[in-house]
Amino acid sequence: MSDSFLHNHQSALDNQREDDAIQYLQDCGVYPDPDDKFFLWRLMMNCKQVDIGDKCIECMRSTVFGTGLFVNRLPADNDKYIGYLLSRTVIFYE
């Protein structure tokens, strides 16, 4: 009997669970409202740091493999940038 019930109503149960999950995420502020046209704009305005990739956040020198600075870098961020910090720059701050 339960097999026929699930066969006939499984899609409705799945849709209800999906709707409940989306509503929960919207209530928590994680899932954006699809009708909110300014969501991405507000998200970008709240982001203050810029990811500069493989550059040092202090001197902006490249730390990619082959520059000789790859092994001397530490993941770091400050108020403006997300990137790496060269070990010789760390010495000046300590």
N, C-alpha and C. Protein backbone atom coordinates (compact mmCIF):
# COMPACT_ATOMS: atom_id res chain seq x y z
N MET A 1 0.82 -1.19 0.00
CA MET A 1 0.00 0.00 0.00
C MET A 1 0.87 1.26 0.00
N SER A 2 1.93 1.25 0.79
CA SER A 2 2.78 2.44 0.84
C SER A 2 3.50 2.68 -0.48
N ASP A 3 3.79 1.64 -1.22
CA ASP A 3 4.45 1.82 -2.51
C ASP A 3 3.57 2.58 -3.49
N SER A 4 2.30 2.27 -3.52
CA SER A 4 1.39 2.96 -4.43
C SER A 4 1.19 4.41 -3.98
N PHE A 5 1.17 4.66 -2.67
CA PHE A 5 1.05 6.03 -2.19
C PHE A 5 2.25 6.86 -2.62
N LEU A 6 3.46 6.35 -2.41
CA LEU A 6 4.66 7.07 -2.81
C LEU A 6 4.73 7.25 -4.32
N HIS A 7 4.29 6.23 -5.05
CA HIS A 7 4.32 6.32 -6.51
C HIS A 7 3.41 7.45 -6.99
N ASN A 8 2.26 7.60 -6.35
CA ASN A 8 1.29 8.61 -6.79
C ASN A 8 1.60 10.01 -6.24
N HIS A 9 2.29 10.10 -5.12
CA HIS A 9 2.45 11.40 -4.47
C HIS A 9 3.90 11.83 -4.24
N GLN A 10 4.86 11.08 -4.74
CA GLN A 10 6.27 11.40 -4.49
C GLN A 10 6.66 12.77 -5.04
N SER A 11 6.22 13.11 -6.24
CA SER A 11 6.60 14.40 -6.81
C SER A 11 6.04 15.56 -6.00
N ALA A 12 4.81 15.42 -5.49
CA ALA A 12 4.23 16.48 -4.67
C ALA A 12 4.99 16.64 -3.36
N LEU A 13 5.41 15.51 -2.76
CA LEU A 13 6.20 15.58 -1.53
C LEU A 13 7.55 16.22 -1.78
N ASP A 14 8.18 15.87 -2.90
CA ASP A 14 9.48 16.46 -3.24
C ASP A 14 9.35 17.96 -3.43
N ASN A 15 8.32 18.40 -4.14
CA ASN A 15 8.12 19.83 -4.38
C ASN A 15 7.88 20.57 -3.07
N GLN A 16 7.13 19.96 -2.17
CA GLN A 16 6.87 20.59 -0.87
C GLN A 16 8.16 20.72 -0.07
N ARG A 17 8.99 19.70 -0.10
CA ARG A 17 10.28 19.76 0.62
C ARG A 17 11.20 20.81 0.02
N GLU A 18 11.23 20.91 -1.31
CA GLU A 18 12.06 21.93 -1.96
C GLU A 18 11.58 23.33 -1.61
N ASP A 19 10.26 23.53 -1.66
CA ASP A 19 9.71 24.84 -1.32
C ASP A 19 10.00 25.21 0.13
N ASP A 20 9.89 24.24 1.03
CA ASP A 20 10.21 24.49 2.44
C ASP A 20 11.68 24.84 2.63
N ALA A 21 12.56 24.15 1.90
CA ALA A 21 14.01 24.42 2.01
C ALA A 21 14.33 25.81 1.48
N ILE A 22 13.74 26.19 0.36
CA ILE A 22 13.99 27.51 -0.21
C ILE A 22 13.46 28.59 0.73
N GLN A 23 12.28 28.37 1.30
CA GLN A 23 11.71 29.35 2.24
C GLN A 23 12.61 29.51 3.46
N TYR A 24 13.14 28.41 3.96
CA TYR A 24 14.04 28.46 5.11
C TYR A 24 15.29 29.28 4.78
N LEU A 25 15.88 29.05 3.60
CA LEU A 25 17.07 29.79 3.20
C LEU A 25 16.76 31.26 2.99
N GLN A 26 15.60 31.58 2.45
CA GLN A 26 15.21 32.98 2.29
C GLN A 26 15.03 33.64 3.65
N ASP A 27 14.43 32.94 4.59
CA ASP A 27 14.23 33.50 5.93
C ASP A 27 15.56 33.75 6.63
N CYS A 28 16.55 32.92 6.36
CA CYS A 28 17.88 33.09 6.97
C CYS A 28 18.71 34.13 6.24
N GLY A 29 18.27 34.58 5.07
CA GLY A 29 19.01 35.57 4.30
C GLY A 29 20.07 34.98 3.40
N VAL A 30 20.05 33.67 3.20
CA VAL A 30 21.06 33.01 2.37
C VAL A 30 20.63 32.96 0.91
N TYR A 31 19.37 32.69 0.68
CA TYR A 31 18.84 32.50 -0.67
C TYR A 31 18.17 33.80 -1.09
N PRO A 32 18.62 34.43 -2.18
CA PRO A 32 18.04 35.71 -2.57
C PRO A 32 16.64 35.57 -3.13
N ASP A 33 15.87 36.61 -2.98
CA ASP A 33 14.55 36.66 -3.58
C ASP A 33 14.71 36.84 -5.08
N PRO A 34 14.11 35.98 -5.92
CA PRO A 34 14.31 36.11 -7.36
C PRO A 34 13.77 37.40 -7.94
N ASP A 35 12.85 38.06 -7.25
CA ASP A 35 12.29 39.32 -7.74
C ASP A 35 13.10 40.53 -7.29
N ASP A 36 14.12 40.32 -6.46
CA ASP A 36 14.94 41.42 -5.97
C ASP A 36 15.97 41.79 -7.03
N LYS A 37 15.74 42.91 -7.71
CA LYS A 37 16.61 43.32 -8.82
C LYS A 37 17.91 43.95 -8.35
N PHE A 38 17.98 44.33 -7.09
CA PHE A 38 19.16 45.02 -6.58
C PHE A 38 20.01 44.14 -5.68
N PHE A 39 19.75 42.82 -5.63
CA PHE A 39 20.49 41.92 -4.75
C PHE A 39 21.97 41.91 -5.09
N LEU A 40 22.32 41.72 -6.35
CA LEU A 40 23.74 41.67 -6.74
C LEU A 40 24.42 43.01 -6.50
N TRP A 41 23.72 44.10 -6.75
CA TRP A 41 24.31 45.41 -6.54
C TRP A 41 24.64 45.61 -5.06
N ARG A 42 23.69 45.27 -4.16
CA ARG A 42 23.94 45.40 -2.72
C ARG A 42 25.06 44.47 -2.27
N LEU A 43 25.11 43.27 -2.84
CA LEU A 43 26.16 42.33 -2.50
C LEU A 43 27.53 42.88 -2.88
N MET A 44 27.63 43.47 -4.06
CA MET A 44 28.91 44.02 -4.50
C MET A 44 29.29 45.25 -3.70
N MET A 45 28.34 46.06 -3.27
CA MET A 45 28.64 47.25 -2.50
C MET A 45 29.10 46.89 -1.08
N ASN A 46 28.65 45.76 -0.55
CA ASN A 46 29.06 45.33 0.78
C ASN A 46 30.44 44.68 0.77
N CYS A 47 30.90 44.24 -0.37
CA CYS A 47 32.21 43.59 -0.47
C CYS A 47 33.28 44.68 -0.56
N LYS A 48 34.11 44.77 0.46
CA LYS A 48 35.11 45.83 0.50
C LYS A 48 36.48 45.36 0.03
N GLN A 49 36.74 44.06 0.11
CA GLN A 49 38.04 43.54 -0.27
C GLN A 49 38.01 43.07 -1.72
N VAL A 50 39.15 43.23 -2.39
CA VAL A 50 39.31 42.81 -3.77
C VAL A 50 40.33 41.68 -3.80
N ASP A 51 39.98 40.59 -4.46
CA ASP A 51 40.90 39.46 -4.61
C ASP A 51 41.90 39.80 -5.71
N ILE A 52 43.18 39.92 -5.34
CA ILE A 52 44.20 40.28 -6.32
C ILE A 52 45.01 39.07 -6.77
N GLY A 53 44.53 37.89 -6.42
CA GLY A 53 45.15 36.66 -6.92
C GLY A 53 46.50 36.38 -6.30
N ASP A 54 47.53 36.24 -7.14
CA ASP A 54 48.86 35.84 -6.70
C ASP A 54 49.78 37.02 -6.38
N LYS A 55 49.23 38.19 -6.16
CA LYS A 55 50.06 39.35 -5.85
C LYS A 55 50.19 39.55 -4.34
N CYS A 56 51.27 40.20 -3.93
CA CYS A 56 51.47 40.57 -2.54
C CYS A 56 50.53 41.72 -2.20
N ILE A 57 49.86 41.65 -1.05
CA ILE A 57 48.90 42.68 -0.70
C ILE A 57 49.56 44.00 -0.29
N GLU A 58 50.85 43.98 -0.03
CA GLU A 58 51.55 45.20 0.36
C GLU A 58 52.32 45.84 -0.79
N CYS A 59 53.11 45.04 -1.50
CA CYS A 59 53.96 45.63 -2.54
C CYS A 59 53.46 45.35 -3.96
N MET A 60 52.42 44.55 -4.12
CA MET A 60 51.80 44.22 -5.40
C MET A 60 52.71 43.47 -6.35
N ARG A 61 53.78 42.86 -5.81
CA ARG A 61 54.66 42.05 -6.66
C ARG A 61 54.01 40.70 -6.89
N SER A 62 54.23 40.15 -8.07
CA SER A 62 53.68 38.85 -8.40
C SER A 62 54.41 37.76 -7.63
N THR A 63 53.64 36.78 -7.12
CA THR A 63 54.24 35.68 -6.38
C THR A 63 53.97 34.34 -7.07
N VAL A 64 53.74 34.36 -8.38
CA VAL A 64 53.44 33.12 -9.10
C VAL A 64 54.67 32.24 -9.17
N PHE A 65 54.45 30.97 -9.47
CA PHE A 65 55.55 30.02 -9.59
C PHE A 65 56.48 30.47 -10.71
N GLY A 66 57.77 30.50 -10.43
CA GLY A 66 58.76 30.93 -11.41
C GLY A 66 59.32 32.31 -11.14
N THR A 67 58.72 33.06 -10.23
CA THR A 67 59.23 34.40 -9.92
C THR A 67 60.28 34.36 -8.81
N GLY A 68 60.41 33.22 -8.15
CA GLY A 68 61.33 33.11 -7.02
C GLY A 68 60.70 33.52 -5.70
N LEU A 69 59.46 33.97 -5.75
CA LEU A 69 58.77 34.42 -4.54
C LEU A 69 57.66 33.46 -4.14
N PHE A 70 57.46 32.41 -4.93
CA PHE A 70 56.35 31.48 -4.68
C PHE A 70 56.47 30.80 -3.33
N VAL A 71 57.67 30.37 -2.95
CA VAL A 71 57.84 29.65 -1.67
C VAL A 71 57.88 30.60 -0.48
N ASN A 72 58.03 31.89 -0.71
CA ASN A 72 58.13 32.86 0.38
C ASN A 72 56.83 33.61 0.63
N ARG A 73 55.72 33.09 0.14
CA ARG A 73 54.46 33.81 0.29
C ARG A 73 53.56 33.14 1.32
N LEU A 74 52.73 33.97 1.96
CA LEU A 74 51.76 33.49 2.94
C LEU A 74 50.38 34.02 2.54
N PRO A 75 49.34 33.20 2.60
CA PRO A 75 48.00 33.73 2.33
C PRO A 75 47.67 34.84 3.33
N ALA A 76 47.12 35.95 2.84
CA ALA A 76 46.87 37.09 3.72
C ALA A 76 45.77 37.97 3.13
N ASP A 77 45.27 38.84 3.98
CA ASP A 77 44.33 39.87 3.53
C ASP A 77 44.46 41.08 4.44
N ASN A 78 43.98 42.20 3.96
CA ASN A 78 43.90 43.42 4.76
C ASN A 78 42.56 44.09 4.45
N ASP A 79 42.40 45.35 4.76
CA ASP A 79 41.12 46.01 4.54
C ASP A 79 40.77 46.14 3.06
N LYS A 80 41.77 46.15 2.20
CA LYS A 80 41.53 46.38 0.77
C LYS A 80 41.63 45.12 -0.08
N TYR A 81 42.61 44.25 0.22
CA TYR A 81 42.94 43.17 -0.70
C TYR A 81 42.95 41.80 -0.05
N ILE A 82 42.71 40.78 -0.87
CA ILE A 82 42.88 39.38 -0.51
C ILE A 82 43.91 38.82 -1.46
N GLY A 83 44.99 38.28 -0.94
CA GLY A 83 46.05 37.75 -1.80
C GLY A 83 47.09 37.03 -0.98
N TYR A 84 48.33 37.43 -1.15
CA TYR A 84 49.44 36.83 -0.43
C TYR A 84 50.31 37.93 0.17
N LEU A 85 51.10 37.53 1.16
CA LEU A 85 52.04 38.44 1.78
C LEU A 85 53.42 37.80 1.70
N LEU A 86 54.38 38.53 1.18
CA LEU A 86 55.74 38.00 1.08
C LEU A 86 56.38 37.93 2.45
N SER A 87 57.18 36.90 2.67
CA SER A 87 57.79 36.71 4.00
C SER A 87 58.71 37.86 4.38
N ARG A 88 59.39 38.47 3.41
CA ARG A 88 60.26 39.60 3.76
C ARG A 88 59.42 40.83 4.15
N THR A 89 58.18 40.92 3.68
CA THR A 89 57.29 42.00 4.11
C THR A 89 56.81 41.75 5.53
N VAL A 90 56.63 40.49 5.91
CA VAL A 90 56.20 40.15 7.26
C VAL A 90 57.25 40.58 8.28
N ILE A 91 58.52 40.46 7.93
CA ILE A 91 59.63 40.84 8.84
C ILE A 91 59.52 42.32 9.21
N PHE A 92 59.14 43.17 8.25
CA PHE A 92 59.04 44.60 8.52
C PHE A 92 57.90 44.93 9.48
N TYR A 93 56.87 44.09 9.52
CA TYR A 93 55.72 44.36 10.37
C TYR A 93 55.87 43.79 11.77
N GLU A 94 56.79 42.90 12.00
CA GLU A 94 56.94 42.28 13.33
C GLU A 94 57.77 43.10 14.26
